[in-house]
N, C-alpha and C. Protein backbone atom coordinates (compact mmCIF):
# COMPACT_ATOMS: atom_id res chain seq x y z
N ALA A 1 95.85 95.29 89.83
CA ALA A 1 95.16 95.86 90.29
C ALA A 1 94.59 94.63 91.43
N GLY A 2 94.64 94.85 92.76
CA GLY A 2 94.37 94.08 93.48
C GLY A 2 92.33 94.51 93.96
N THR A 3 92.34 93.61 94.94
CA THR A 3 90.22 93.78 95.06
C THR A 3 90.15 95.23 95.79
N SER A 4 91.03 95.76 96.94
CA SER A 4 91.54 96.57 97.94
C SER A 4 91.87 98.14 96.73
N GLU A 5 93.01 97.69 95.97
CA GLU A 5 93.67 99.13 95.19
C GLU A 5 92.03 99.49 94.54
N ALA A 6 91.54 98.45 93.78
CA ALA A 6 89.90 98.92 93.21
C ALA A 6 89.16 99.63 93.64
N TYR A 7 88.48 99.18 95.32
CA TYR A 7 87.57 99.53 95.77
C TYR A 7 88.06 101.07 96.01
N LEU A 8 90.00 101.31 96.46
CA LEU A 8 89.99 102.26 97.10
C LEU A 8 89.87 103.34 95.60
N ALA A 9 90.13 102.93 94.57
CA ALA A 9 90.22 104.02 93.49
C ALA A 9 88.80 104.07 92.81
N SER A 10 88.11 103.72 93.60
CA SER A 10 86.12 104.26 93.11
C SER A 10 86.20 105.44 94.24
N LYS A 11 86.88 104.76 95.48
CA LYS A 11 86.26 105.61 96.43
C LYS A 11 87.08 107.10 96.19
N THR A 12 87.93 106.98 95.95
CA THR A 12 88.49 108.83 95.77
C THR A 12 88.44 108.71 93.89
N ALA A 13 88.05 108.52 93.47
CA ALA A 13 87.47 109.13 91.57
C ALA A 13 86.78 110.11 91.75
N ILE A 14 85.85 110.26 92.60
CA ILE A 14 84.88 111.60 92.68
C ILE A 14 85.72 112.58 93.11
N TYR A 15 86.78 112.61 93.19
CA TYR A 15 87.39 113.74 94.31
C TYR A 15 88.87 114.32 93.11
N LYS A 16 88.59 112.95 92.30
CA LYS A 16 89.63 113.67 90.94
C LYS A 16 88.87 114.10 90.21
N GLU A 17 87.76 113.38 90.00
CA GLU A 17 86.46 113.87 88.84
C GLU A 17 85.98 115.51 88.93
N LYS A 18 85.90 115.90 90.18
CA LYS A 18 85.39 117.52 90.26
C LYS A 18 86.47 118.31 90.95
N GLY A 19 87.71 117.48 91.39
CA GLY A 19 88.46 118.33 91.58
C GLY A 19 88.27 119.17 92.58
N VAL A 20 87.61 118.15 93.39
CA VAL A 20 87.49 118.88 95.35
C VAL A 20 88.39 118.16 96.12
N LEU A 21 88.95 118.22 97.14
CA LEU A 21 89.39 117.95 97.65
C LEU A 21 89.10 117.68 99.15
N THR A 22 87.86 118.78 99.27
CA THR A 22 87.44 118.60 101.03
C THR A 22 86.66 117.05 101.30
N GLY A 23 87.29 116.89 101.85
CA GLY A 23 86.33 115.01 102.58
C GLY A 23 86.97 114.30 101.58
N SER A 24 88.37 114.39 101.01
CA SER A 24 89.32 113.37 101.27
C SER A 24 90.54 113.40 102.26
N THR A 25 91.16 112.79 101.53
CA THR A 25 92.06 112.39 102.68
C THR A 25 93.47 112.86 101.68
N LEU A 26 92.68 113.24 100.52
CA LEU A 26 93.86 113.15 99.38
C LEU A 26 95.12 114.51 99.73
N PRO A 27 96.14 114.76 99.42
CA PRO A 27 96.96 115.61 99.57
C PRO A 27 96.77 117.04 98.76
N GLY A 28 96.89 118.80 99.18
CA GLY A 28 96.92 119.44 98.02
C GLY A 28 97.85 120.42 98.24
N LYS A 29 98.09 121.18 97.97
CA LYS A 29 99.13 122.23 97.98
C LYS A 29 99.27 123.23 99.30
N ALA A 30 100.42 123.23 99.41
CA ALA A 30 100.68 123.97 101.24
C ALA A 30 101.91 125.03 100.86
N ASP A 31 101.63 126.29 100.93
CA ASP A 31 102.95 127.12 100.64
C ASP A 31 104.22 127.28 101.58
N PRO A 32 105.25 126.23 101.19
CA PRO A 32 106.41 126.08 102.31
C PRO A 32 106.65 127.07 103.24
N GLU A 33 106.55 128.58 102.66
CA GLU A 33 107.11 129.37 103.53
C GLU A 33 106.15 129.56 105.27
N VAL A 34 104.71 129.07 104.93
CA VAL A 34 103.89 129.33 105.78
C VAL A 34 103.66 127.78 106.96
N VAL A 35 104.36 126.66 105.65
CA VAL A 35 104.23 125.19 106.42
C VAL A 35 105.38 125.28 107.65
N ALA A 36 106.28 126.70 106.99
CA ALA A 36 107.67 126.76 108.20
C ALA A 36 107.02 127.53 109.39
N LYS A 37 106.23 128.52 109.35
CA LYS A 37 105.87 129.68 110.10
C LYS A 37 104.90 128.26 111.11
N ILE A 38 104.16 127.26 110.53
CA ILE A 38 103.44 126.96 111.63
C ILE A 38 104.39 125.64 112.15
N GLN A 39 105.15 125.40 112.08
CA GLN A 39 105.92 124.41 111.79
C GLN A 39 106.02 123.95 113.98
N PRO A 40 105.54 125.03 114.64
CA PRO A 40 106.03 124.78 116.56
C PRO A 40 104.95 123.72 116.42
N ALA A 41 103.42 124.60 115.96
CA ALA A 41 102.11 124.08 115.81
C ALA A 41 102.25 122.52 115.56
N LEU A 42 102.94 122.21 114.60
CA LEU A 42 102.88 121.04 114.15
C LEU A 42 103.74 119.69 114.67
N ASP A 43 104.56 120.40 115.82
CA ASP A 43 105.14 120.11 116.41
C ASP A 43 104.78 119.42 117.55
N VAL A 44 103.63 120.03 118.38
CA VAL A 44 103.02 120.50 119.51
C VAL A 44 102.27 118.98 118.85
N LEU A 45 101.22 118.87 117.69
CA LEU A 45 100.18 118.28 117.59
C LEU A 45 100.77 116.87 117.22
N GLY A 46 101.85 117.01 116.71
CA GLY A 46 103.05 115.79 116.94
C GLY A 46 102.51 114.83 115.57
N ASP A 47 102.57 113.21 116.03
CA ASP A 47 101.73 111.98 114.65
C ASP A 47 100.26 112.07 114.95
N VAL A 48 99.84 112.84 115.71
CA VAL A 48 98.39 113.13 115.43
C VAL A 48 97.59 113.57 114.31
N VAL A 49 98.02 114.72 113.50
CA VAL A 49 98.03 114.99 112.31
C VAL A 49 98.84 115.13 111.66
N GLU A 50 98.54 115.29 110.04
CA GLU A 50 99.36 115.58 109.26
C GLU A 50 98.96 116.54 107.72
N LEU A 51 99.72 117.87 107.98
CA LEU A 51 99.10 118.59 106.95
C LEU A 51 99.09 118.10 105.65
N LEU A 52 97.68 118.63 105.03
CA LEU A 52 97.40 117.74 103.64
C LEU A 52 97.52 119.15 102.61
N SER A 53 96.70 119.90 102.95
CA SER A 53 97.30 121.15 102.30
C SER A 53 96.47 122.67 103.27
N ILE A 54 96.77 123.31 102.63
CA ILE A 54 96.26 125.16 102.74
C ILE A 54 95.39 125.55 101.83
N GLU A 55 94.01 126.38 102.08
CA GLU A 55 93.16 125.81 101.33
C GLU A 55 92.63 128.02 100.74
N GLN A 56 93.02 127.99 100.33
CA GLN A 56 92.67 130.21 100.33
C GLN A 56 93.40 130.70 101.00
N ASP A 57 95.05 129.98 101.27
CA ASP A 57 95.58 130.46 102.26
C ASP A 57 95.50 130.82 103.94
N THR A 58 93.89 130.74 104.33
CA THR A 58 93.64 130.46 105.48
C THR A 58 92.93 129.32 106.20
N VAL A 59 92.44 128.38 105.20
CA VAL A 59 91.93 127.28 105.78
C VAL A 59 92.69 125.98 105.46
N PHE A 60 92.92 125.50 106.75
CA PHE A 60 94.74 124.47 107.08
C PHE A 60 93.43 122.75 107.14
N ARG A 61 93.94 121.81 105.95
CA ARG A 61 93.28 120.56 106.10
C ARG A 61 94.56 119.59 106.73
N PHE A 62 93.98 118.79 107.34
CA PHE A 62 94.75 117.96 108.34
C PHE A 62 93.95 116.34 108.14
N LYS A 63 95.33 115.38 108.00
CA LYS A 63 94.81 113.86 108.09
C LYS A 63 94.31 114.02 109.94
N TYR A 64 94.09 113.55 109.71
CA TYR A 64 93.59 113.16 111.78
C TYR A 64 93.66 111.51 111.57
N HIS A 65 94.26 111.58 112.83
CA HIS A 65 94.67 109.95 113.25
C HIS A 65 94.39 109.59 114.39
N GLY A 66 93.95 110.68 115.63
CA GLY A 66 93.15 110.57 116.29
C GLY A 66 91.81 110.22 116.77
N LEU A 67 91.45 109.85 118.75
CA LEU A 67 90.20 109.06 118.41
C LEU A 67 88.86 110.68 118.08
N ILE A 68 87.96 109.68 116.96
CA ILE A 68 86.93 110.46 116.74
C ILE A 68 86.87 111.24 117.98
N LYS A 69 86.52 110.95 118.99
CA LYS A 69 85.09 112.03 119.67
C LYS A 69 85.89 112.89 120.25
N ASN A 70 87.57 113.23 120.27
CA ASN A 70 87.75 113.95 120.09
C ASN A 70 89.04 115.26 119.14
N LYS A 71 87.81 114.77 117.80
CA LYS A 71 88.48 115.28 116.95
C LYS A 71 87.60 116.68 117.04
N ARG A 72 86.55 117.47 117.38
CA ARG A 72 86.69 118.42 117.49
C ARG A 72 86.96 119.09 118.56
N GLY A 73 87.46 119.11 119.18
CA GLY A 73 88.39 119.62 120.17
C GLY A 73 89.95 120.13 120.07
N MET A 74 90.18 119.00 119.23
CA MET A 74 91.41 118.91 118.96
C MET A 74 92.24 119.64 116.92
N SER A 75 90.58 119.81 116.70
CA SER A 75 90.37 120.79 115.37
C SER A 75 90.69 122.67 115.88
N ALA A 76 89.90 122.74 117.11
CA ALA A 76 89.82 124.20 117.56
C ALA A 76 91.27 124.38 118.75
N TRP A 77 91.70 123.46 118.56
CA TRP A 77 93.34 123.91 119.25
C TRP A 77 94.15 123.66 118.66
N ALA A 78 93.67 123.57 117.03
CA ALA A 78 95.11 123.27 116.33
C ALA A 78 95.19 124.80 115.80
N GLY A 79 93.09 125.13 115.56
CA GLY A 79 93.33 126.42 115.44
C GLY A 79 94.22 127.76 116.04
N VAL A 80 94.10 127.22 117.05
CA VAL A 80 94.95 128.61 118.00
C VAL A 80 96.31 128.17 118.33
N LEU A 81 96.44 127.15 117.98
CA LEU A 81 98.61 127.01 117.92
C LEU A 81 99.22 128.01 116.60
N ILE A 82 98.18 127.33 115.54
CA ILE A 82 98.35 127.93 114.06
C ILE A 82 98.39 129.50 114.16
N ARG A 83 97.21 130.06 114.73
CA ARG A 83 97.43 131.77 115.28
C ARG A 83 98.35 131.90 116.14
N ASN A 84 98.73 130.74 117.42
CA ASN A 84 99.78 131.64 118.01
C ASN A 84 101.22 131.95 117.28
N CYS A 85 101.36 131.03 116.28
CA CYS A 85 102.13 131.46 114.94
C CYS A 85 102.49 132.63 114.55
N ASP A 86 101.52 133.25 114.67
CA ASP A 86 101.26 134.45 113.75
C ASP A 86 100.55 134.53 112.39
N VAL A 87 99.92 133.60 112.00
CA VAL A 87 99.50 132.85 110.48
C VAL A 87 98.09 133.10 110.93
N ASP A 88 97.06 133.77 110.06
CA ASP A 88 96.17 134.03 109.69
C ASP A 88 95.07 132.84 109.39
N CYS A 89 94.44 132.28 110.15
CA CYS A 89 94.13 131.38 110.30
C CYS A 89 92.33 131.52 110.15
N THR A 90 91.11 131.02 108.94
CA THR A 90 89.90 131.00 109.49
C THR A 90 89.57 129.58 109.45
N GLY A 91 90.19 128.48 109.18
CA GLY A 91 89.17 127.54 109.88
C GLY A 91 90.33 126.50 109.57
N VAL A 92 89.94 125.13 110.64
CA VAL A 92 90.94 123.68 110.12
C VAL A 92 89.95 122.98 110.08
N VAL A 93 90.10 121.62 109.15
CA VAL A 93 89.53 121.30 109.31
C VAL A 93 90.19 119.77 109.34
N PHE A 94 89.88 118.72 109.71
CA PHE A 94 90.22 117.51 110.09
C PHE A 94 89.20 116.36 108.85
N GLU A 95 90.40 115.57 108.33
CA GLU A 95 89.59 114.77 107.53
C GLU A 95 90.23 113.58 108.66
N THR A 96 88.95 112.28 108.23
CA THR A 96 89.89 111.36 108.63
C THR A 96 88.75 110.04 107.41
N GLY A 97 89.14 110.31 106.35
CA GLY A 97 88.66 109.61 105.27
C GLY A 97 87.37 109.13 105.72
N PHE A 98 86.74 107.44 105.79
CA PHE A 98 86.29 106.64 105.80
C PHE A 98 85.47 106.44 107.28
N ARG A 99 86.56 107.04 108.05
CA ARG A 99 86.71 106.07 109.32
C ARG A 99 85.31 107.27 110.01
N LYS A 100 84.49 106.64 110.64
CA LYS A 100 83.10 107.97 111.65
C LYS A 100 83.45 107.25 113.31
N ARG A 101 83.45 106.45 113.51
CA ARG A 101 83.67 106.33 114.95
C ARG A 101 84.82 105.33 115.02
N ASP A 102 85.26 104.92 116.55
CA ASP A 102 86.15 103.83 116.71
C ASP A 102 85.58 103.34 117.84
N PRO A 103 84.88 102.20 116.77
CA PRO A 103 84.46 100.96 118.00
C PRO A 103 84.89 100.28 119.54
N ALA A 104 86.51 100.80 118.76
CA ALA A 104 87.20 100.24 120.66
C ALA A 104 87.25 100.68 121.50
N TYR A 105 86.77 102.20 121.26
CA TYR A 105 86.52 102.89 122.12
C TYR A 105 85.36 103.29 122.62
N ASP A 106 84.33 102.94 122.00
CA ASP A 106 82.55 103.14 121.72
C ASP A 106 82.36 102.42 123.23
N GLY A 107 81.46 103.14 124.15
CA GLY A 107 80.96 102.36 125.79
C GLY A 107 80.49 101.49 125.58
């Protein structure tokens, strides 16, 4: 195992140890029927997000690849798109891993 592999393993070990996915970019479970129903929303969001899991049947976790400054608005828009697909959605969580800002785009 290389240095970066060991570093990543040390950072993700706590999620596996505690059995918690929130705050990580680890994939979880998603009902294939619900995923099929929200496919139009996923098509609109495109490559900016990837579905990680659906928690408690109404909370959608995504890995977010867009700009951090747009994260809050994009998550709100994703919730609207999901609800427009006639799927119950009480929350959308955009996970970014350890990325907290975009230095190249900071003023």
